[in-house]
Amino acid sequence: MKAFSFITPTVAEYVTSHTTPPDDVLRELAEETLAATSKDAVMQISPEQGTFLTMLTRVSGAVNAVEVGTFTGYSSICIARGLPENGHLTCFDVSDEWTSIARRYWQKAGLADRIELRLGNAADSLAEFPIRPEIDLAFIDADKSGYPVYYEAIMTRLKRGGIILADNTLRHGSVADYTDGEAAGMRDFNTHVLNDPRVTSTILPIADGLTMVLKN
């Protein structure tokens, strides 16, 4: 079996430079996010992830999507752009401060009519989320300790053939190093997904790792 190493900075830059780039709205959002959040700007997804989210949402035919962890709105814009005109994206986040930026950019992108924001504890909000219509696509990019709870709540509402994407599942490659205690939680989550008989899954080495799950 061929062994793969975690993506290097040089390869990462090459991937970015050979992926359809973000438009003016996303570039402006990325710049404002960096200015407003400083070191927390690392929570924003990478440009190549954004392009992938739009493409996958579109090719999957998703209509009803959810996002756990919105931050300043980059990923939500990318997902919403892949939805049809009658599509709907529900975003869960705890920060009114950061999502206030997201709300402005949803307007700039002309997507405010298809995005709904629910502020508060995501686990509680998902527990109250309706079973129907079923979720077609979900993106999880929030507090890492909460991933198992978010995953299970979404899974019970996900249609057969639906997709869950979970970000940061390689943790800068540390998940492969069993001496790294901080990566233990993510290793447990990755193992949980792997052993879930309800799904087919893989981890894509995009940015900090993107787990893609298909409900069987």
N, C-alpha and C. Protein backbone atom coordinates (compact mmCIF):
# COMPACT_ATOMS: atom_id res chain seq x y z
N MET A 1 0.84 -1.19 0.00
CA MET A 1 0.00 0.00 0.00
C MET A 1 0.88 1.25 0.00
N LYS A 2 0.56 2.19 -0.86
CA LYS A 2 1.34 3.41 -0.93
C LYS A 2 1.09 4.30 0.27
N ALA A 3 2.16 4.84 0.85
CA ALA A 3 2.02 5.73 2.01
C ALA A 3 1.94 7.18 1.55
N PHE A 4 1.07 7.95 2.18
CA PHE A 4 0.92 9.36 1.86
C PHE A 4 1.33 10.19 3.07
N SER A 5 2.10 11.24 2.83
CA SER A 5 2.48 12.15 3.90
C SER A 5 1.54 13.34 3.87
N PHE A 6 1.49 14.08 4.99
CA PHE A 6 0.63 15.25 5.06
C PHE A 6 1.13 16.30 4.07
N ILE A 7 0.26 17.04 3.50
CA ILE A 7 0.58 18.00 2.46
C ILE A 7 1.60 19.04 2.95
N THR A 8 2.58 19.35 2.13
CA THR A 8 3.61 20.31 2.48
C THR A 8 3.17 21.72 2.10
N PRO A 9 3.78 22.75 2.69
CA PRO A 9 3.41 24.12 2.33
C PRO A 9 3.59 24.40 0.84
N THR A 10 4.62 23.84 0.23
CA THR A 10 4.85 24.07 -1.19
C THR A 10 3.73 23.48 -2.04
N VAL A 11 3.33 22.26 -1.70
CA VAL A 11 2.24 21.63 -2.43
C VAL A 11 0.93 22.36 -2.16
N ALA A 12 0.73 22.79 -0.93
CA ALA A 12 -0.49 23.53 -0.59
C ALA A 12 -0.60 24.80 -1.43
N GLU A 13 0.50 25.51 -1.59
CA GLU A 13 0.51 26.72 -2.40
C GLU A 13 0.22 26.40 -3.87
N TYR A 14 0.76 25.29 -4.34
CA TYR A 14 0.51 24.88 -5.72
C TYR A 14 -0.96 24.56 -5.94
N VAL A 15 -1.55 23.84 -4.97
CA VAL A 15 -2.98 23.51 -5.06
C VAL A 15 -3.81 24.78 -5.12
N THR A 16 -3.51 25.72 -4.24
CA THR A 16 -4.26 26.98 -4.19
C THR A 16 -4.15 27.74 -5.51
N SER A 17 -2.95 27.77 -6.07
CA SER A 17 -2.71 28.53 -7.30
C SER A 17 -3.31 27.85 -8.53
N HIS A 18 -3.72 26.60 -8.39
CA HIS A 18 -4.31 25.88 -9.52
C HIS A 18 -5.76 25.50 -9.24
N THR A 19 -6.40 26.25 -8.36
CA THR A 19 -7.82 26.09 -8.06
C THR A 19 -8.53 27.39 -8.44
N THR A 20 -9.74 27.30 -8.98
CA THR A 20 -10.49 28.51 -9.30
C THR A 20 -10.51 29.43 -8.09
N PRO A 21 -10.02 30.66 -8.24
CA PRO A 21 -9.85 31.55 -7.08
C PRO A 21 -11.16 32.18 -6.61
N PRO A 22 -11.16 32.70 -5.39
CA PRO A 22 -12.35 33.40 -4.88
C PRO A 22 -12.61 34.68 -5.65
N ASP A 23 -13.88 35.09 -5.66
CA ASP A 23 -14.23 36.34 -6.34
C ASP A 23 -14.01 37.52 -5.40
N ASP A 24 -14.41 38.71 -5.85
CA ASP A 24 -14.15 39.92 -5.08
C ASP A 24 -14.83 39.90 -3.71
N VAL A 25 -16.06 39.34 -3.64
CA VAL A 25 -16.78 39.30 -2.37
C VAL A 25 -16.02 38.45 -1.35
N LEU A 26 -15.57 37.29 -1.76
CA LEU A 26 -14.86 36.41 -0.84
C LEU A 26 -13.49 36.96 -0.48
N ARG A 27 -12.83 37.58 -1.44
CA ARG A 27 -11.52 38.19 -1.13
C ARG A 27 -11.68 39.32 -0.12
N GLU A 28 -12.71 40.15 -0.32
CA GLU A 28 -12.96 41.25 0.61
C GLU A 28 -13.31 40.72 2.00
N LEU A 29 -14.10 39.66 2.04
CA LEU A 29 -14.45 39.05 3.31
C LEU A 29 -13.22 38.50 4.02
N ALA A 30 -12.34 37.84 3.29
CA ALA A 30 -11.12 37.29 3.88
C ALA A 30 -10.25 38.40 4.46
N GLU A 31 -10.16 39.50 3.75
CA GLU A 31 -9.36 40.64 4.22
C GLU A 31 -9.96 41.26 5.48
N GLU A 32 -11.28 41.43 5.48
CA GLU A 32 -11.93 42.00 6.66
C GLU A 32 -11.83 41.05 7.85
N THR A 33 -11.96 39.76 7.59
CA THR A 33 -11.84 38.78 8.67
C THR A 33 -10.47 38.86 9.32
N LEU A 34 -9.42 38.96 8.51
CA LEU A 34 -8.06 39.06 9.05
C LEU A 34 -7.91 40.33 9.88
N ALA A 35 -8.44 41.43 9.38
CA ALA A 35 -8.33 42.71 10.10
C ALA A 35 -9.13 42.70 11.39
N ALA A 36 -10.28 42.05 11.37
CA ALA A 36 -11.19 42.10 12.52
C ALA A 36 -10.87 41.05 13.58
N THR A 37 -10.33 39.92 13.15
CA THR A 37 -10.16 38.81 14.09
C THR A 37 -8.71 38.45 14.38
N SER A 38 -7.79 39.03 13.63
CA SER A 38 -6.36 38.79 13.85
C SER A 38 -6.03 37.31 13.79
N LYS A 39 -5.46 36.76 14.87
CA LYS A 39 -5.02 35.36 14.86
C LYS A 39 -6.18 34.39 14.72
N ASP A 40 -7.40 34.82 15.06
CA ASP A 40 -8.55 33.93 14.92
C ASP A 40 -8.95 33.72 13.47
N ALA A 41 -8.34 34.48 12.55
CA ALA A 41 -8.67 34.34 11.14
C ALA A 41 -8.33 32.96 10.60
N VAL A 42 -7.51 32.21 11.32
CA VAL A 42 -7.18 30.85 10.89
C VAL A 42 -8.42 29.94 10.93
N MET A 43 -9.47 30.38 11.60
CA MET A 43 -10.70 29.58 11.65
C MET A 43 -11.46 29.63 10.32
N GLN A 44 -11.08 30.56 9.45
CA GLN A 44 -11.73 30.64 8.14
C GLN A 44 -11.20 29.55 7.23
N ILE A 45 -12.07 28.94 6.45
CA ILE A 45 -11.62 27.89 5.54
C ILE A 45 -10.72 28.46 4.46
N SER A 46 -9.96 27.60 3.82
CA SER A 46 -9.04 28.02 2.76
C SER A 46 -9.80 28.25 1.46
N PRO A 47 -9.22 29.02 0.53
CA PRO A 47 -9.90 29.27 -0.75
C PRO A 47 -10.22 28.00 -1.52
N GLU A 48 -9.30 27.01 -1.51
CA GLU A 48 -9.57 25.78 -2.26
C GLU A 48 -10.70 24.97 -1.61
N GLN A 49 -10.82 25.07 -0.28
CA GLN A 49 -11.97 24.42 0.37
C GLN A 49 -13.27 25.10 -0.04
N GLY A 50 -13.23 26.41 -0.14
CA GLY A 50 -14.43 27.14 -0.54
C GLY A 50 -14.90 26.74 -1.92
N THR A 51 -13.96 26.65 -2.86
CA THR A 51 -14.29 26.23 -4.21
C THR A 51 -14.86 24.82 -4.21
N PHE A 52 -14.26 23.95 -3.41
CA PHE A 52 -14.74 22.56 -3.32
C PHE A 52 -16.15 22.51 -2.74
N LEU A 53 -16.44 23.29 -1.72
CA LEU A 53 -17.77 23.30 -1.12
C LEU A 53 -18.84 23.71 -2.13
N THR A 54 -18.55 24.74 -2.91
CA THR A 54 -19.51 25.17 -3.92
C THR A 54 -19.74 24.07 -4.96
N MET A 55 -18.65 23.48 -5.43
CA MET A 55 -18.75 22.43 -6.44
C MET A 55 -19.52 21.23 -5.92
N LEU A 56 -19.18 20.78 -4.71
CA LEU A 56 -19.83 19.59 -4.17
C LEU A 56 -21.30 19.83 -3.89
N THR A 57 -21.63 20.99 -3.37
CA THR A 57 -23.03 21.32 -3.12
C THR A 57 -23.83 21.28 -4.41
N ARG A 58 -23.23 21.82 -5.45
CA ARG A 58 -23.93 21.87 -6.74
C ARG A 58 -24.08 20.48 -7.35
N VAL A 59 -23.01 19.71 -7.41
CA VAL A 59 -23.08 18.40 -8.08
C VAL A 59 -23.91 17.40 -7.27
N SER A 60 -24.01 17.60 -5.96
CA SER A 60 -24.80 16.69 -5.13
C SER A 60 -26.30 16.94 -5.26
N GLY A 61 -26.65 18.12 -5.80
CA GLY A 61 -28.05 18.48 -5.92
C GLY A 61 -28.69 18.85 -4.60
N ALA A 62 -27.87 19.23 -3.61
CA ALA A 62 -28.39 19.57 -2.29
C ALA A 62 -29.35 20.75 -2.36
N VAL A 63 -30.43 20.65 -1.57
CA VAL A 63 -31.41 21.72 -1.45
C VAL A 63 -31.47 22.21 0.00
N ASN A 64 -31.44 21.27 0.93
CA ASN A 64 -31.51 21.60 2.35
C ASN A 64 -30.15 21.32 3.00
N ALA A 65 -29.43 22.37 3.37
CA ALA A 65 -28.08 22.24 3.91
C ALA A 65 -27.98 22.87 5.29
N VAL A 66 -27.04 22.38 6.08
CA VAL A 66 -26.77 22.97 7.39
C VAL A 66 -25.27 23.16 7.56
N GLU A 67 -24.93 24.14 8.38
CA GLU A 67 -23.53 24.41 8.71
C GLU A 67 -23.42 24.63 10.21
N VAL A 68 -22.49 23.93 10.84
CA VAL A 68 -22.23 24.12 12.27
C VAL A 68 -20.89 24.81 12.40
N GLY A 69 -20.91 26.07 12.78
CA GLY A 69 -19.70 26.87 12.87
C GLY A 69 -19.59 27.78 11.66
N THR A 70 -20.07 29.01 11.77
CA THR A 70 -20.15 29.92 10.63
C THR A 70 -19.04 30.95 10.60
N PHE A 71 -18.57 31.37 11.79
CA PHE A 71 -17.52 32.39 11.91
C PHE A 71 -17.96 33.64 11.15
N THR A 72 -17.18 34.11 10.18
CA THR A 72 -17.54 35.35 9.47
C THR A 72 -18.21 35.10 8.13
N GLY A 73 -18.50 33.84 7.81
CA GLY A 73 -19.39 33.58 6.69
C GLY A 73 -18.80 33.08 5.39
N TYR A 74 -17.49 32.86 5.33
CA TYR A 74 -16.89 32.43 4.06
C TYR A 74 -17.48 31.10 3.59
N SER A 75 -17.48 30.10 4.44
CA SER A 75 -17.96 28.78 4.03
C SER A 75 -19.46 28.80 3.72
N SER A 76 -20.23 29.58 4.47
CA SER A 76 -21.67 29.63 4.21
C SER A 76 -21.98 30.23 2.84
N ILE A 77 -21.21 31.21 2.44
CA ILE A 77 -21.38 31.79 1.11
C ILE A 77 -21.08 30.74 0.05
N CYS A 78 -20.00 29.99 0.26
CA CYS A 78 -19.61 28.97 -0.72
C CYS A 78 -20.66 27.88 -0.84
N ILE A 79 -21.21 27.45 0.28
CA ILE A 79 -22.26 26.43 0.24
C ILE A 79 -23.52 26.99 -0.43
N ALA A 80 -23.95 28.17 0.00
CA ALA A 80 -25.19 28.75 -0.53
C ALA A 80 -25.11 28.99 -2.03
N ARG A 81 -23.91 29.30 -2.52
CA ARG A 81 -23.76 29.51 -3.97
C ARG A 81 -23.97 28.22 -4.76
N GLY A 82 -23.79 27.09 -4.11
CA GLY A 82 -24.01 25.83 -4.79
C GLY A 82 -25.45 25.34 -4.74
N LEU A 83 -26.28 26.01 -3.95
CA LEU A 83 -27.68 25.61 -3.82
C LEU A 83 -28.51 26.17 -4.97
N PRO A 84 -29.62 25.50 -5.31
CA PRO A 84 -30.53 26.06 -6.30
C PRO A 84 -31.28 27.24 -5.70
N GLU A 85 -32.07 27.93 -6.51
CA GLU A 85 -32.78 29.12 -6.04
C GLU A 85 -33.73 28.81 -4.89
N ASN A 86 -34.26 27.60 -4.86
CA ASN A 86 -35.16 27.23 -3.77
C ASN A 86 -34.42 26.55 -2.62
N GLY A 87 -33.10 26.58 -2.65
CA GLY A 87 -32.30 25.94 -1.60
C GLY A 87 -32.29 26.76 -0.32
N HIS A 88 -31.94 26.09 0.78
CA HIS A 88 -31.91 26.74 2.08
C HIS A 88 -30.74 26.24 2.90
N LEU A 89 -30.00 27.14 3.49
CA LEU A 89 -28.87 26.82 4.37
C LEU A 89 -29.16 27.35 5.76
N THR A 90 -29.12 26.47 6.76
CA THR A 90 -29.28 26.87 8.15
C THR A 90 -27.91 26.84 8.82
N CYS A 91 -27.52 27.97 9.39
CA CYS A 91 -26.21 28.10 10.03
C CYS A 91 -26.37 28.15 11.55
N PHE A 92 -25.51 27.42 12.25
CA PHE A 92 -25.51 27.39 13.71
C PHE A 92 -24.18 27.96 14.21
N ASP A 93 -24.27 28.95 15.10
CA ASP A 93 -23.05 29.55 15.66
C ASP A 93 -23.40 30.19 17.00
N VAL A 94 -22.37 30.45 17.79
CA VAL A 94 -22.59 31.06 19.11
C VAL A 94 -22.22 32.54 19.16
N SER A 95 -21.53 33.04 18.13
CA SER A 95 -21.00 34.40 18.19
C SER A 95 -21.82 35.37 17.36
N ASP A 96 -22.47 36.29 18.03
CA ASP A 96 -23.19 37.35 17.32
C ASP A 96 -22.19 38.32 16.69
N GLU A 97 -21.03 38.49 17.35
CA GLU A 97 -20.01 39.43 16.84
C GLU A 97 -19.48 38.98 15.48
N TRP A 98 -19.02 37.75 15.39
CA TRP A 98 -18.44 37.29 14.13
C TRP A 98 -19.50 37.09 13.06
N THR A 99 -20.66 36.58 13.43
CA THR A 99 -21.69 36.34 12.42
C THR A 99 -22.33 37.64 11.93
N SER A 100 -22.12 38.74 12.64
CA SER A 100 -22.61 40.02 12.13
C SER A 100 -21.87 40.38 10.84
N ILE A 101 -20.60 39.99 10.77
CA ILE A 101 -19.84 40.17 9.53
C ILE A 101 -20.42 39.26 8.45
N ALA A 102 -20.71 38.02 8.82
CA ALA A 102 -21.30 37.08 7.87
C ALA A 102 -22.59 37.61 7.28
N ARG A 103 -23.44 38.17 8.13
CA ARG A 103 -24.73 38.65 7.65
C ARG A 103 -24.56 39.77 6.60
N ARG A 104 -23.59 40.64 6.82
CA ARG A 104 -23.34 41.71 5.84
C ARG A 104 -22.90 41.15 4.50
N TYR A 105 -22.05 40.13 4.57
CA TYR A 105 -21.53 39.57 3.32
C TYR A 105 -22.55 38.66 2.63
N TRP A 106 -23.47 38.09 3.37
CA TRP A 106 -24.56 37.36 2.72
C TRP A 106 -25.36 38.33 1.86
N GLN A 107 -25.56 39.53 2.37
CA GLN A 107 -26.27 40.55 1.59
C GLN A 107 -25.47 40.94 0.36
N LYS A 108 -24.17 41.17 0.54
CA LYS A 108 -23.32 41.56 -0.59
C LYS A 108 -23.31 40.50 -1.67
N ALA A 109 -23.35 39.23 -1.26
CA ALA A 109 -23.30 38.13 -2.20
C ALA A 109 -24.66 37.82 -2.81
N GLY A 110 -25.71 38.51 -2.34
CA GLY A 110 -27.05 38.28 -2.85
C GLY A 110 -27.62 36.94 -2.42
N LEU A 111 -27.24 36.49 -1.22
CA LEU A 111 -27.64 35.16 -0.76
C LEU A 111 -28.44 35.18 0.54
N ALA A 112 -28.72 36.35 1.05
CA ALA A 112 -29.38 36.46 2.36
C ALA A 112 -30.74 35.76 2.39
N ASP A 113 -31.39 35.65 1.25
CA ASP A 113 -32.73 35.05 1.22
C ASP A 113 -32.70 33.54 1.34
N ARG A 114 -31.53 32.93 1.21
CA ARG A 114 -31.47 31.47 1.31
C ARG A 114 -30.63 30.98 2.49
N ILE A 115 -30.23 31.91 3.39
CA ILE A 115 -29.43 31.55 4.56
C ILE A 115 -30.15 31.99 5.83
N GLU A 116 -30.26 31.08 6.78
CA GLU A 116 -30.87 31.35 8.08
C GLU A 116 -29.82 31.13 9.17
N LEU A 117 -29.71 32.07 10.10
CA LEU A 117 -28.75 31.95 11.19
C LEU A 117 -29.46 31.66 12.50
N ARG A 118 -28.98 30.64 13.22
CA ARG A 118 -29.50 30.31 14.54
C ARG A 118 -28.37 30.43 15.55
N LEU A 119 -28.47 31.45 16.40
CA LEU A 119 -27.44 31.69 17.41
C LEU A 119 -27.74 30.90 18.68
N GLY A 120 -26.70 30.35 19.28
CA GLY A 120 -26.86 29.60 20.52
C GLY A 120 -26.07 28.31 20.48
N ASN A 121 -26.21 27.52 21.51
CA ASN A 121 -25.54 26.24 21.59
C ASN A 121 -25.98 25.33 20.44
N ALA A 122 -25.04 24.91 19.61
CA ALA A 122 -25.39 24.15 18.41
C ALA A 122 -25.98 22.79 18.74
N ALA A 123 -25.49 22.15 19.80
CA ALA A 123 -26.02 20.85 20.18
C ALA A 123 -27.50 20.96 20.53
N ASP A 124 -27.85 21.99 21.29
CA ASP A 124 -29.25 22.19 21.67
C ASP A 124 -30.10 22.55 20.44
N SER A 125 -29.55 23.43 19.60
CA SER A 125 -30.29 23.86 18.41
C SER A 125 -30.53 22.70 17.45
N LEU A 126 -29.52 21.85 17.27
CA LEU A 126 -29.67 20.70 16.39
C LEU A 126 -30.67 19.70 16.94
N ALA A 127 -30.70 19.57 18.26
CA ALA A 127 -31.65 18.64 18.88
C ALA A 127 -33.09 19.08 18.60
N GLU A 128 -33.29 20.38 18.40
CA GLU A 128 -34.62 20.92 18.12
C GLU A 128 -34.90 21.06 16.63
N PHE A 129 -33.88 20.77 15.82
CA PHE A 129 -34.02 20.93 14.37
C PHE A 129 -34.98 19.87 13.83
N PRO A 130 -35.87 20.24 12.92
CA PRO A 130 -36.87 19.27 12.44
C PRO A 130 -36.25 18.09 11.70
N ILE A 131 -36.90 16.95 11.80
CA ILE A 131 -36.47 15.75 11.10
C ILE A 131 -36.75 15.85 9.61
N ARG A 132 -37.82 16.54 9.25
CA ARG A 132 -38.20 16.74 7.86
C ARG A 132 -38.30 18.24 7.58
N PRO A 133 -37.87 18.70 6.38
CA PRO A 133 -37.26 17.89 5.33
C PRO A 133 -35.87 17.41 5.74
N GLU A 134 -35.47 16.28 5.20
CA GLU A 134 -34.18 15.73 5.55
C GLU A 134 -33.04 16.62 5.05
N ILE A 135 -31.92 16.54 5.73
CA ILE A 135 -30.73 17.31 5.35
C ILE A 135 -30.05 16.62 4.18
N ASP A 136 -29.67 17.40 3.19
CA ASP A 136 -28.95 16.87 2.02
C ASP A 136 -27.44 16.95 2.20
N LEU A 137 -26.99 18.03 2.82
CA LEU A 137 -25.55 18.26 2.97
C LEU A 137 -25.30 19.06 4.24
N ALA A 138 -24.24 18.67 4.96
CA ALA A 138 -23.89 19.37 6.20
C ALA A 138 -22.38 19.62 6.25
N PHE A 139 -22.01 20.75 6.81
CA PHE A 139 -20.60 21.10 6.99
C PHE A 139 -20.38 21.40 8.47
N ILE A 140 -19.44 20.68 9.08
CA ILE A 140 -19.12 20.86 10.50
C ILE A 140 -17.74 21.49 10.62
N ASP A 141 -17.68 22.67 11.22
CA ASP A 141 -16.41 23.37 11.41
C ASP A 141 -16.51 24.24 12.66
N ALA A 142 -16.72 23.59 13.80
CA ALA A 142 -16.92 24.31 15.06
C ALA A 142 -15.94 23.76 16.10
N ASP A 143 -16.31 23.87 17.38
CA ASP A 143 -15.45 23.34 18.45
C ASP A 143 -15.26 21.84 18.24
N LYS A 144 -14.01 21.41 18.26
CA LYS A 144 -13.69 20.04 17.87
C LYS A 144 -14.24 19.01 18.84
N SER A 145 -14.33 19.34 20.11
CA SER A 145 -14.87 18.40 21.09
C SER A 145 -16.34 18.10 20.84
N GLY A 146 -17.01 19.00 20.14
CA GLY A 146 -18.43 18.82 19.87
C GLY A 146 -18.74 18.02 18.61
N TYR A 147 -17.72 17.68 17.84
CA TYR A 147 -17.95 16.99 16.57
C TYR A 147 -18.81 15.73 16.71
N PRO A 148 -18.55 14.83 17.67
CA PRO A 148 -19.37 13.62 17.75
C PRO A 148 -20.86 13.92 17.96
N VAL A 149 -21.15 14.92 18.80
CA VAL A 149 -22.55 15.29 19.06
C VAL A 149 -23.19 15.86 17.80
N TYR A 150 -22.49 16.76 17.12
CA TYR A 150 -23.02 17.37 15.91
C TYR A 150 -23.23 16.31 14.82
N TYR A 151 -22.27 15.43 14.70
CA TYR A 151 -22.33 14.36 13.69
C TYR A 151 -23.57 13.49 13.90
N GLU A 152 -23.80 13.07 15.14
CA GLU A 152 -24.93 12.18 15.40
C GLU A 152 -26.26 12.90 15.22
N ALA A 153 -26.33 14.15 15.65
CA ALA A 153 -27.57 14.90 15.48
C ALA A 153 -27.90 15.09 14.01
N ILE A 154 -26.89 15.35 13.21
CA ILE A 154 -27.11 15.52 11.77
C ILE A 154 -27.43 14.19 11.12
N MET A 155 -26.73 13.14 11.52
CA MET A 155 -26.91 11.84 10.89
C MET A 155 -28.36 11.36 10.99
N THR A 156 -29.00 11.63 12.12
CA THR A 156 -30.39 11.19 12.29
C THR A 156 -31.34 11.98 11.39
N ARG A 157 -30.88 13.09 10.86
CA ARG A 157 -31.70 13.95 10.01
C ARG A 157 -31.23 13.95 8.55
N LEU A 158 -30.18 13.20 8.27
CA LEU A 158 -29.57 13.20 6.94
C LEU A 158 -30.26 12.17 6.04
N LYS A 159 -30.52 12.56 4.82
CA LYS A 159 -31.16 11.64 3.89
C LYS A 159 -30.17 10.55 3.46
N ARG A 160 -30.69 9.46 2.97
CA ARG A 160 -29.84 8.43 2.37
C ARG A 160 -29.20 9.02 1.12
N GLY A 161 -27.88 8.92 1.03
CA GLY A 161 -27.15 9.56 -0.05
C GLY A 161 -26.72 10.97 0.29
N GLY A 162 -27.07 11.44 1.51
CA GLY A 162 -26.66 12.76 1.97
C GLY A 162 -25.19 12.78 2.37
N ILE A 163 -24.64 13.98 2.47
CA ILE A 163 -23.21 14.15 2.71
C ILE A 163 -22.96 14.99 3.96
N ILE A 164 -22.00 14.55 4.76
CA ILE A 164 -21.48 15.35 5.87
C ILE A 164 -20.01 15.62 5.60
N LEU A 165 -19.60 16.87 5.75
CA LEU A 165 -18.20 17.26 5.66
C LEU A 165 -17.76 17.78 7.01
N ALA A 166 -16.63 17.30 7.51
CA ALA A 166 -16.09 17.76 8.79
C ALA A 166 -14.68 18.29 8.56
N ASP A 167 -14.44 19.52 9.00
CA ASP A 167 -13.17 20.19 8.74
C ASP A 167 -12.15 19.93 9.86
N ASN A 168 -10.89 20.13 9.52
CA ASN A 168 -9.76 20.06 10.47
C ASN A 168 -9.54 18.67 11.05
N THR A 169 -9.84 17.65 10.28
CA THR A 169 -9.75 16.29 10.82
C THR A 169 -8.36 15.69 10.74
N LEU A 170 -7.40 16.42 10.18
CA LEU A 170 -6.01 15.97 10.24
C LEU A 170 -5.20 16.72 11.29
N ARG A 171 -5.72 17.84 11.75
CA ARG A 171 -5.08 18.61 12.83
C ARG A 171 -3.59 18.81 12.56
N HIS A 172 -3.30 19.39 11.38
CA HIS A 172 -1.92 19.68 10.97
C HIS A 172 -1.07 18.40 10.92
N GLY A 173 -1.70 17.27 10.70
CA GLY A 173 -1.00 16.00 10.63
C GLY A 173 -0.80 15.32 11.96
N SER A 174 -1.19 15.97 13.06
CA SER A 174 -0.92 15.43 14.39
C SER A 174 -1.77 14.22 14.73
N VAL A 175 -2.85 13.96 13.98
CA VAL A 175 -3.69 12.80 14.27
C VAL A 175 -2.93 11.49 14.08
N ALA A 176 -1.88 11.53 13.28
CA ALA A 176 -1.10 10.32 13.02
C ALA A 176 -0.03 10.08 14.08
N ASP A 177 0.14 11.05 14.99
CA ASP A 177 1.17 10.95 16.03
C ASP A 177 0.49 10.67 17.37
N TYR A 178 0.62 9.44 17.85
CA TYR A 178 -0.11 9.05 19.06
C TYR A 178 0.52 9.59 20.34
N THR A 179 1.61 10.34 20.22
CA THR A 179 2.17 11.02 21.39
C THR A 179 1.57 12.40 21.57
N ASP A 180 0.78 12.84 20.59
CA ASP A 180 0.16 14.16 20.64
C ASP A 180 -1.21 14.03 21.29
N GLY A 181 -1.28 14.39 22.57
CA GLY A 181 -2.53 14.26 23.31
C GLY A 181 -3.64 15.16 22.81
N GLU A 182 -3.30 16.34 22.26
CA GLU A 182 -4.30 17.27 21.80
C GLU A 182 -5.08 16.72 20.59
N ALA A 183 -4.47 15.78 19.88
CA ALA A 183 -5.13 15.22 18.70
C ALA A 183 -6.01 14.03 19.03
N ALA A 184 -6.00 13.61 20.30
CA ALA A 184 -6.72 12.39 20.68
C ALA A 184 -8.20 12.47 20.38
N GLY A 185 -8.81 13.60 20.67
CA GLY A 185 -10.25 13.76 20.42
C GLY A 185 -10.60 13.62 18.95
N MET A 186 -9.77 14.20 18.10
CA MET A 186 -10.03 14.10 16.67
C MET A 186 -9.78 12.68 16.16
N ARG A 187 -8.78 12.02 16.70
CA ARG A 187 -8.56 10.62 16.34
C ARG A 187 -9.78 9.77 16.70
N ASP A 188 -10.33 10.03 17.87
CA ASP A 188 -11.53 9.29 18.30
C ASP A 188 -12.69 9.55 17.34
N PHE A 189 -12.85 10.81 16.93
CA PHE A 189 -13.93 11.14 15.99
C PHE A 189 -13.71 10.43 14.65
N ASN A 190 -12.47 10.50 14.14
CA ASN A 190 -12.16 9.86 12.87
C ASN A 190 -12.43 8.35 12.93
N THR A 191 -12.08 7.74 14.05
CA THR A 191 -12.31 6.31 14.22
C THR A 191 -13.81 6.00 14.30
N HIS A 192 -14.55 6.88 14.98
CA HIS A 192 -16.00 6.71 15.07
C HIS A 192 -16.64 6.72 13.69
N VAL A 193 -16.21 7.66 12.85
CA VAL A 193 -16.75 7.75 11.49
C VAL A 193 -16.37 6.50 10.70
N LEU A 194 -15.11 6.09 10.80
CA LEU A 194 -14.64 4.92 10.07
C LEU A 194 -15.44 3.67 10.42
N ASN A 195 -15.81 3.53 11.69
CA ASN A 195 -16.50 2.33 12.16
C ASN A 195 -18.02 2.45 12.11
N ASP A 196 -18.52 3.54 11.56
CA ASP A 196 -19.97 3.75 11.48
C ASP A 196 -20.53 2.96 10.30
N PRO A 197 -21.32 1.92 10.54
CA PRO A 197 -21.83 1.09 9.44
C PRO A 197 -22.84 1.80 8.55
N ARG A 198 -23.28 2.98 8.97
CA ARG A 198 -24.28 3.72 8.20
C ARG A 198 -23.68 4.49 7.03
N VAL A 199 -22.34 4.59 6.99
CA VAL A 199 -21.72 5.51 6.04
C VAL A 199 -20.54 4.90 5.29
N THR A 200 -20.18 5.58 4.21
CA THR A 200 -18.91 5.39 3.51
C THR A 200 -18.16 6.70 3.66
N SER A 201 -16.87 6.63 4.01
CA SER A 201 -16.16 7.88 4.31
C SER A 201 -14.72 7.85 3.82
N THR A 202 -14.17 9.05 3.69
CA THR A 202 -12.76 9.22 3.38
C THR A 202 -12.30 10.55 3.97
N ILE A 203 -10.99 10.69 4.17
CA ILE A 203 -10.43 11.97 4.61
C ILE A 203 -9.65 12.55 3.44
N LEU A 204 -10.06 13.72 2.99
CA LEU A 204 -9.39 14.40 1.89
C LEU A 204 -8.29 15.30 2.45
N PRO A 205 -7.06 15.21 1.93
CA PRO A 205 -5.97 16.03 2.44
C PRO A 205 -6.01 17.45 1.88
N ILE A 206 -7.15 18.11 2.06
CA ILE A 206 -7.32 19.50 1.65
C ILE A 206 -7.15 20.37 2.87
N ALA A 207 -6.28 21.38 2.78
CA ALA A 207 -6.01 22.28 3.90
C ALA A 207 -5.65 21.47 5.15
N ASP A 208 -6.48 21.54 6.20
CA ASP A 208 -6.16 20.83 7.45
C ASP A 208 -6.91 19.52 7.55
N GLY A 209 -7.35 18.99 6.42
CA GLY A 209 -8.06 17.71 6.42
C GLY A 209 -9.56 17.91 6.40
N LEU A 210 -10.22 17.26 5.45
CA LEU A 210 -11.67 17.40 5.30
C LEU A 210 -12.25 15.99 5.17
N THR A 211 -12.97 15.55 6.20
CA THR A 211 -13.61 14.25 6.15
C THR A 211 -14.91 14.35 5.37
N MET A 212 -15.10 13.43 4.44
CA MET A 212 -16.31 13.40 3.62
C MET A 212 -17.04 12.11 3.89
N VAL A 213 -18.29 12.23 4.29
CA VAL A 213 -19.10 11.09 4.71
C VAL A 213 -20.35 11.01 3.84
N LEU A 214 -20.61 9.82 3.28
CA LEU A 214 -21.81 9.58 2.50
C LEU A 214 -22.69 8.59 3.25
N LYS A 215 -23.94 8.97 3.51
CA LYS A 215 -24.84 8.06 4.20
C LYS A 215 -25.32 6.98 3.24
N ASN A 216 -25.09 5.73 3.62
CA ASN A 216 -25.43 4.59 2.74
C ASN A 216 -26.94 4.42 2.56
